Amino acid sequence: MIVNREDELEGTEVDMTHEQHAREELADADRVVVREAVGDDLSGVLSVGHRTWLATYEPIAGPEYVAMGLAKWWTSDVVTDSIRKGRTLVATQGDDVVGVATYGPQDDAFVLWKLYVLPGHHGHGIGTRLLQAVVERAEQNGQRRITLSYLEGNRQAARFYARHGFVETHRETPGSGLPESVWMARDLGAGDADPDGGRA
C-alpha cells in the first residue's frame, strides 16, 4: 500500500509540473508584442518564413515548391520592401520574432499575403492577434473586405481562417501537379471573435 501511495504522489507531482508548465506557456504568450516591423526585424522575419515554409509546405507540395516560394517571397529584397512600405507586422517575444503577417493591395482588394507563426509557438493566440492587427489596419484604410489564399492540404490554415469568419470564394489550379490555391474572403466587421474560444 505504501508503494501505491508513492505512485499516487509521483503522479500528482507530474500533474502539477504539467500545470505549471502550461501556466508558464500562457505567461510567455502574454509577453508577445504585435507591432509594425522595422528594419532590424529583417533577419527575424526571414527566419520565420524559412522555418515555417519548410514545415508547412514540404509535406503538401514538396521541396521544389518550398524552394520556389522562398526564392520568390522570402528574400531580403522582398521583405525589406514590405517593411519599408509599412505592410509587415511581427509578433515578438523578447528579441525574437515568432510570427509574421504581411498585407497590401491587389487591384481593388485588400489581401492578407502571409500569416505565419513558428511551430513552437502555435496554440497561444499569436496568429489570432496578428490577424486582428491586420483587420484593424484594413478598417483604418476604409477597406470593407479582406481576401487571402492558402494551399489545399493545409488543414490548419483552413480551420483557422474559417474560425475567423473567412469563407471560400474560388480556387486556382496552378498546374504542374501542385495543390490548388483556395481563396477566401471576409467582410469586415464580422468574425472578430474566435467563436469556439480556441487559441491559434
C-alpha atoms as a PDB file:
ATOM      1  CA  MET A   1       0.000   0.000   0.000  1.00  0.00           C
ATOM      2  CA  ILE A   2       2.864   2.337   0.694  1.00  0.00           C
ATOM      3  CA  VAL A   3       4.153   1.720  -2.832  1.00  0.00           C
ATOM      4  CA  ASN A   4       0.769   2.579  -4.289  1.00  0.00           C
ATOM      5  CA  ARG A   5       0.682   5.744  -2.206  1.00  0.00           C
ATOM      6  CA  GLU A   6       4.097   6.764  -3.504  1.00  0.00           C
ATOM      7  CA  ASP A   7       2.911   6.122  -7.060  1.00  0.00           C
ATOM      8  CA  GLU A   8      -0.056   8.397  -6.439  1.00  0.00           C
ATOM      9  CA  LEU A   9       2.206  11.119  -5.081  1.00  0.00           C
ATOM     10  CA  GLU A  10       4.574  10.791  -8.030  1.00  0.00           C
ATOM     11  CA  GLY A  11       1.633  11.110 -10.401  1.00  0.00           C
ATOM     12  CA  THR A  12       0.459  14.230  -8.567  1.00  0.00           C
ATOM     13  CA  GLU A  13       3.893  15.789  -8.866  1.00  0.00           C
ATOM     14  CA  VAL A  14       3.914  15.115 -12.613  1.00  0.00           C
ATOM     15  CA  ASP A  15       0.448  16.671 -12.982  1.00  0.00           C
ATOM     16  CA  MET A  16       1.488  19.754 -11.027  1.00  0.00           C
ATOM     17  CA  THR A  17       4.605  20.129 -13.126  1.00  0.00           C
ATOM     18  CA  HIS A  18       2.489  19.872 -16.308  1.00  0.00           C
ATOM     19  CA  GLU A  19       0.067  22.519 -14.985  1.00  0.00           C
ATOM     20  CA  GLN A  20       2.932  24.805 -14.033  1.00  0.00           C
ATOM     21  CA  HIS A  21       4.409  24.346 -17.490  1.00  0.00           C
ATOM     22  CA  ALA A  22       1.059  25.240 -19.097  1.00  0.00           C
ATOM     23  CA  ARG A  23       0.816  28.383 -16.947  1.00  0.00           C
ATOM     24  CA  GLU A  24       4.343  29.369 -17.952  1.00  0.00           C
ATOM     25  CA  GLU A  25       3.468  28.924 -21.634  1.00  0.00           C
ATOM     26  CA  LEU A  26       0.426  31.183 -21.241  1.00  0.00           C
ATOM     27  CA  ALA A  27       2.543  33.768 -19.433  1.00  0.00           C
ATOM     28  CA  ASP A  28       5.060  33.606 -22.291  1.00  0.00           C
ATOM     29  CA  ALA A  29       2.257  34.215 -24.806  1.00  0.00           C
ATOM     30  CA  ASP A  30       1.132  37.245 -22.802  1.00  0.00           C
ATOM     31  CA  ARG A  31       4.625  38.675 -23.226  1.00  0.00           C
ATOM     32  CA  VAL A  32       4.313  38.550 -27.010  1.00  0.00           C
ATOM     33  CA  VAL A  33       4.106  42.002 -28.612  1.00  0.00           C
ATOM     34  CA  VAL A  34       2.456  42.547 -32.004  1.00  0.00           C
ATOM     35  CA  ARG A  35       3.750  45.636 -33.816  1.00  0.00           C
ATOM     36  CA  GLU A  36       4.778  47.030 -37.178  1.00  0.00           C
ATOM     37  CA  ALA A  37       8.070  45.611 -38.385  1.00  0.00           C
ATOM     38  CA  VAL A  38      11.191  47.765 -38.582  1.00  0.00           C
ATOM     39  CA  GLY A  39      14.454  47.261 -40.446  1.00  0.00           C
ATOM     40  CA  ASP A  40      16.070  45.491 -37.506  1.00  0.00           C
ATOM     41  CA  ASP A  41      13.413  42.764 -37.775  1.00  0.00           C
ATOM     42  CA  LEU A  42      14.581  41.650 -41.235  1.00  0.00           C
ATOM     43  CA  SER A  43      16.558  38.587 -40.142  1.00  0.00           C
ATOM     44  CA  GLY A  44      13.814  37.507 -37.726  1.00  0.00           C
ATOM     45  CA  VAL A  45      11.125  37.804 -40.405  1.00  0.00           C
ATOM     46  CA  LEU A  46      13.239  35.800 -42.846  1.00  0.00           C
ATOM     47  CA  SER A  47      13.861  33.157 -40.191  1.00  0.00           C
ATOM     48  CA  VAL A  48      10.121  32.755 -39.558  1.00  0.00           C
ATOM     49  CA  GLY A  49       9.497  32.454 -43.294  1.00  0.00           C
ATOM     50  CA  HIS A  50      12.164  29.850 -43.903  1.00  0.00           C
ATOM     51  CA  ARG A  51      11.298  27.752 -40.857  1.00  0.00           C
ATOM     52  CA  THR A  52       7.530  27.782 -41.341  1.00  0.00           C
ATOM     53  CA  TRP A  53       7.578  27.247 -45.104  1.00  0.00           C
ATOM     54  CA  LEU A  54       9.663  24.129 -44.816  1.00  0.00           C
ATOM     55  CA  ALA A  55       7.456  22.683 -42.066  1.00  0.00           C
ATOM     56  CA  THR A  56       4.168  23.707 -43.703  1.00  0.00           C
ATOM     57  CA  TYR A  57       4.630  23.163 -47.415  1.00  0.00           C
ATOM     58  CA  GLU A  58       7.155  20.400 -47.936  1.00  0.00           C
ATOM     59  CA  PRO A  59       4.650  17.685 -46.871  1.00  0.00           C
ATOM     60  CA  ILE A  60       1.914  19.270 -49.035  1.00  0.00           C
ATOM     61  CA  ALA A  61       3.732  20.358 -52.187  1.00  0.00           C
ATOM     62  CA  GLY A  62       7.291  19.043 -51.989  1.00  0.00           C
ATOM     63  CA  PRO A  63      10.764  20.570 -51.671  1.00  0.00           C
ATOM     64  CA  GLU A  64      10.753  22.197 -55.131  1.00  0.00           C
ATOM     65  CA  TYR A  65       7.668  24.258 -54.244  1.00  0.00           C
ATOM     66  CA  VAL A  66       9.286  25.302 -50.955  1.00  0.00           C
ATOM     67  CA  ALA A  67      12.492  26.344 -52.734  1.00  0.00           C
ATOM     68  CA  MET A  68      10.494  28.326 -55.328  1.00  0.00           C
ATOM     69  CA  GLY A  69       8.417  30.101 -52.662  1.00  0.00           C
ATOM     70  CA  LEU A  70      11.396  31.011 -50.523  1.00  0.00           C
ATOM     71  CA  ALA A  71      13.239  32.384 -53.553  1.00  0.00           C
ATOM     72  CA  LYS A  72      10.196  34.390 -54.667  1.00  0.00           C
ATOM     73  CA  TRP A  73       8.597  35.685 -51.446  1.00  0.00           C
ATOM     74  CA  TRP A  74      11.151  35.350 -48.654  1.00  0.00           C
ATOM     75  CA  THR A  75      14.242  37.161 -49.924  1.00  0.00           C
ATOM     76  CA  SER A  76      15.874  40.142 -48.210  1.00  0.00           C
ATOM     77  CA  ASP A  77      14.770  42.450 -51.042  1.00  0.00           C
ATOM     78  CA  VAL A  78      11.112  41.388 -50.930  1.00  0.00           C
ATOM     79  CA  VAL A  79      10.854  41.500 -47.139  1.00  0.00           C
ATOM     80  CA  THR A  80      12.731  44.817 -46.882  1.00  0.00           C
ATOM     81  CA  ASP A  81      10.358  46.366 -49.433  1.00  0.00           C
ATOM     82  CA  SER A  82       7.314  45.202 -47.460  1.00  0.00           C
ATOM     83  CA  ILE A  83       8.766  46.517 -44.189  1.00  0.00           C
ATOM     84  CA  ARG A  84       9.575  49.903 -45.754  1.00  0.00           C
ATOM     85  CA  LYS A  85       6.025  50.203 -47.083  1.00  0.00           C
ATOM     86  CA  GLY A  86       4.629  49.533 -43.598  1.00  0.00           C
ATOM     87  CA  ARG A  87       2.922  46.316 -44.691  1.00  0.00           C
ATOM     88  CA  THR A  88       4.610  43.832 -42.344  1.00  0.00           C
ATOM     89  CA  LEU A  89       3.630  43.071 -38.768  1.00  0.00           C
ATOM     90  CA  VAL A  90       5.663  40.991 -36.369  1.00  0.00           C
ATOM     91  CA  ALA A  91       4.887  39.160 -33.156  1.00  0.00           C
ATOM     92  CA  THR A  92       7.929  39.344 -30.909  1.00  0.00           C
ATOM     93  CA  GLN A  93       8.840  37.649 -27.663  1.00  0.00           C
ATOM     94  CA  GLY A  94      11.768  39.443 -26.150  1.00  0.00           C
ATOM     95  CA  ASP A  95      14.205  39.974 -29.017  1.00  0.00           C
ATOM     96  CA  ASP A  96      12.840  37.086 -31.094  1.00  0.00           C
ATOM     97  CA  VAL A  97      10.372  37.351 -33.969  1.00  0.00           C
ATOM     98  CA  VAL A  98       7.949  34.437 -33.511  1.00  0.00           C
ATOM     99  CA  GLY A  99       5.235  35.391 -36.006  1.00  0.00           C
ATOM    100  CA  VAL A 100       4.775  37.465 -39.167  1.00  0.00           C
ATOM    101  CA  ALA A 101       1.869  38.895 -41.150  1.00  0.00           C
ATOM    102  CA  THR A 102       2.042  40.891 -44.373  1.00  0.00           C
ATOM    103  CA  TYR A 103      -0.775  42.579 -46.228  1.00  0.00           C
ATOM    104  CA  GLY A 104      -1.385  45.012 -49.039  1.00  0.00           C
ATOM    105  CA  PRO A 105      -3.500  45.970 -52.014  1.00  0.00           C
ATOM    106  CA  GLN A 106      -4.076  43.961 -55.162  1.00  0.00           C
ATOM    107  CA  ASP A 107      -6.311  45.703 -57.683  1.00  0.00           C
ATOM    108  CA  ASP A 108      -9.300  46.763 -55.543  1.00  0.00           C
ATOM    109  CA  ALA A 109      -8.745  44.100 -52.888  1.00  0.00           C
ATOM    110  CA  PHE A 110      -7.041  44.192 -49.511  1.00  0.00           C
ATOM    111  CA  VAL A 111      -5.036  40.967 -49.311  1.00  0.00           C
ATOM    112  CA  LEU A 112      -3.521  39.141 -46.350  1.00  0.00           C
ATOM    113  CA  TRP A 113      -0.441  37.786 -48.110  1.00  0.00           C
ATOM    114  CA  LYS A 114       1.320  35.997 -45.258  1.00  0.00           C
ATOM    115  CA  LEU A 115       0.457  34.863 -41.745  1.00  0.00           C
ATOM    116  CA  TYR A 116       2.967  32.517 -40.126  1.00  0.00           C
ATOM    117  CA  VAL A 117       3.809  31.624 -36.536  1.00  0.00           C
ATOM    118  CA  LEU A 118       6.771  29.467 -35.574  1.00  0.00           C
ATOM    119  CA  PRO A 119       5.641  25.891 -34.841  1.00  0.00           C
ATOM    120  CA  GLY A 120       6.836  26.031 -31.227  1.00  0.00           C
ATOM    121  CA  HIS A 121       4.523  29.000 -30.600  1.00  0.00           C
ATOM    122  CA  HIS A 122       1.286  27.588 -32.041  1.00  0.00           C
ATOM    123  CA  GLY A 123      -1.757  27.391 -29.790  1.00  0.00           C
ATOM    124  CA  HIS A 124      -1.226  30.621 -27.838  1.00  0.00           C
ATOM    125  CA  GLY A 125      -3.359  33.058 -29.841  1.00  0.00           C
ATOM    126  CA  ILE A 126      -0.429  34.691 -31.663  1.00  0.00           C
ATOM    127  CA  GLY A 127      -1.914  34.058 -35.118  1.00  0.00           C
ATOM    128  CA  THR A 128      -5.226  35.484 -33.933  1.00  0.00           C
ATOM    129  CA  ARG A 129      -3.527  38.625 -32.626  1.00  0.00           C
ATOM    130  CA  LEU A 130      -1.648  39.117 -35.894  1.00  0.00           C
ATOM    131  CA  LEU A 131      -4.865  38.645 -37.879  1.00  0.00           C
ATOM    132  CA  GLN A 132      -6.733  41.123 -35.670  1.00  0.00           C
ATOM    133  CA  ALA A 133      -3.963  43.682 -36.179  1.00  0.00           C
ATOM    134  CA  VAL A 134      -4.284  43.275 -39.958  1.00  0.00           C
ATOM    135  CA  VAL A 135      -8.080  43.669 -39.701  1.00  0.00           C
ATOM    136  CA  GLU A 136      -7.614  46.896 -37.731  1.00  0.00           C
ATOM    137  CA  ARG A 137      -5.338  48.312 -40.413  1.00  0.00           C
ATOM    138  CA  ALA A 138      -7.763  47.328 -43.165  1.00  0.00           C
ATOM    139  CA  GLU A 139     -10.601  49.074 -41.348  1.00  0.00           C
ATOM    140  CA  GLN A 140      -8.461  52.169 -40.742  1.00  0.00           C
ATOM    141  CA  ASN A 141      -7.828  52.265 -44.510  1.00  0.00           C
ATOM    142  CA  GLY A 142     -11.567  52.141 -45.182  1.00  0.00           C
ATOM    143  CA  GLN A 143     -11.439  48.612 -46.587  1.00  0.00           C
ATOM    144  CA  ARG A 144     -14.634  46.596 -46.491  1.00  0.00           C
ATOM    145  CA  ARG A 145     -13.201  43.142 -47.185  1.00  0.00           C
ATOM    146  CA  ILE A 146     -10.049  41.065 -46.734  1.00  0.00           C
ATOM    147  CA  THR A 147      -9.051  38.252 -49.067  1.00  0.00           C
ATOM    148  CA  LEU A 148      -6.386  35.569 -48.711  1.00  0.00           C
ATOM    149  CA  SER A 149      -5.379  32.203 -50.074  1.00  0.00           C
ATOM    150  CA  TYR A 150      -3.921  29.011 -48.686  1.00  0.00           C
ATOM    151  CA  LEU A 151      -2.689  25.843 -50.326  1.00  0.00           C
ATOM    152  CA  GLU A 152      -5.125  22.916 -50.482  1.00  0.00           C
ATOM    153  CA  GLY A 153      -3.995  20.369 -47.924  1.00  0.00           C
ATOM    154  CA  ASN A 154      -3.081  22.973 -45.317  1.00  0.00           C
ATOM    155  CA  ARG A 155      -5.850  21.900 -42.942  1.00  0.00           C
ATOM    156  CA  GLN A 156      -4.584  24.040 -40.092  1.00  0.00           C
ATOM    157  CA  ALA A 157      -4.927  27.188 -42.213  1.00  0.00           C
ATOM    158  CA  ALA A 158      -8.370  26.124 -43.450  1.00  0.00           C
ATOM    159  CA  ARG A 159      -9.652  25.665 -39.893  1.00  0.00           C
ATOM    160  CA  PHE A 160      -8.022  28.845 -38.600  1.00  0.00           C
ATOM    161  CA  TYR A 161      -9.430  31.135 -41.284  1.00  0.00           C
ATOM    162  CA  ALA A 162     -12.899  29.558 -41.236  1.00  0.00           C
ATOM    163  CA  ARG A 163     -12.985  30.042 -37.463  1.00  0.00           C
ATOM    164  CA  HIS A 164     -12.227  33.725 -38.008  1.00  0.00           C
ATOM    165  CA  GLY A 165     -15.078  34.353 -40.418  1.00  0.00           C
ATOM    166  CA  PHE A 166     -13.434  33.720 -43.802  1.00  0.00           C
ATOM    167  CA  VAL A 167     -15.409  31.835 -46.445  1.00  0.00           C
ATOM    168  CA  GLU A 168     -14.143  30.206 -49.622  1.00  0.00           C
ATOM    169  CA  THR A 169     -14.743  32.236 -52.781  1.00  0.00           C
ATOM    170  CA  HIS A 170     -12.892  30.319 -55.503  1.00  0.00           C
ATOM    171  CA  ARG A 171      -9.907  28.123 -56.302  1.00  0.00           C
ATOM    172  CA  GLU A 172      -6.965  28.473 -58.644  1.00  0.00           C
ATOM    173  CA  THR A 173      -5.202  25.484 -60.179  1.00  0.00           C
ATOM    174  CA  PRO A 174      -1.504  26.204 -60.716  1.00  0.00           C
ATOM    175  CA  GLY A 175      -0.831  23.098 -62.782  1.00  0.00           C
ATOM    176  CA  SER A 176       2.363  21.035 -62.662  1.00  0.00           C
ATOM    177  CA  GLY A 177       0.666  18.711 -60.183  1.00  0.00           C
ATOM    178  CA  LEU A 178       0.696  21.319 -57.407  1.00  0.00           C
ATOM    179  CA  PRO A 179      -2.242  21.660 -54.994  1.00  0.00           C
ATOM    180  CA  GLU A 180      -4.904  24.276 -55.674  1.00  0.00           C
ATOM    181  CA  SER A 181      -4.833  27.709 -54.071  1.00  0.00           C
ATOM    182  CA  VAL A 182      -8.020  28.141 -52.040  1.00  0.00           C
ATOM    183  CA  TRP A 183      -9.138  31.786 -51.943  1.00  0.00           C
ATOM    184  CA  MET A 184     -11.222  33.057 -49.041  1.00  0.00           C
ATOM    185  CA  ALA A 185     -12.734  36.395 -48.095  1.00  0.00           C
ATOM    186  CA  ARG A 186     -14.183  38.042 -45.041  1.00  0.00           C
ATOM    187  CA  ASP A 187     -16.362  41.124 -44.884  1.00  0.00           C
ATOM    188  CA  LEU A 188     -15.003  43.439 -42.229  1.00  0.00           C
ATOM    189  CA  GLY A 189     -16.959  43.820 -39.030  1.00  0.00           C
ATOM    190  CA  ALA A 190     -17.686  40.058 -38.991  1.00  0.00           C
ATOM    191  CA  GLY A 191     -15.834  37.215 -37.317  1.00  0.00           C
ATOM    192  CA  ASP A 192     -13.703  39.311 -34.965  1.00  0.00           C
ATOM    193  CA  ALA A 193     -14.119  36.861 -32.118  1.00  0.00           C
ATOM    194  CA  ASP A 194     -12.862  33.320 -32.084  1.00  0.00           C
ATOM    195  CA  PRO A 195     -16.244  31.562 -31.802  1.00  0.00           C
ATOM    196  CA  ASP A 196     -15.025  28.352 -30.229  1.00  0.00           C
ATOM    197  CA  GLY A 197     -12.566  30.022 -27.896  1.00  0.00           C
ATOM    198  CA  GLY A 198      -9.578  28.247 -29.445  1.00  0.00           C
ATOM    199  CA  ARG A 199      -6.137  29.786 -29.316  1.00  0.00           C
ATOM    200  CA  ALA A 200      -4.386  29.899 -32.667  1.00  0.00           C
END
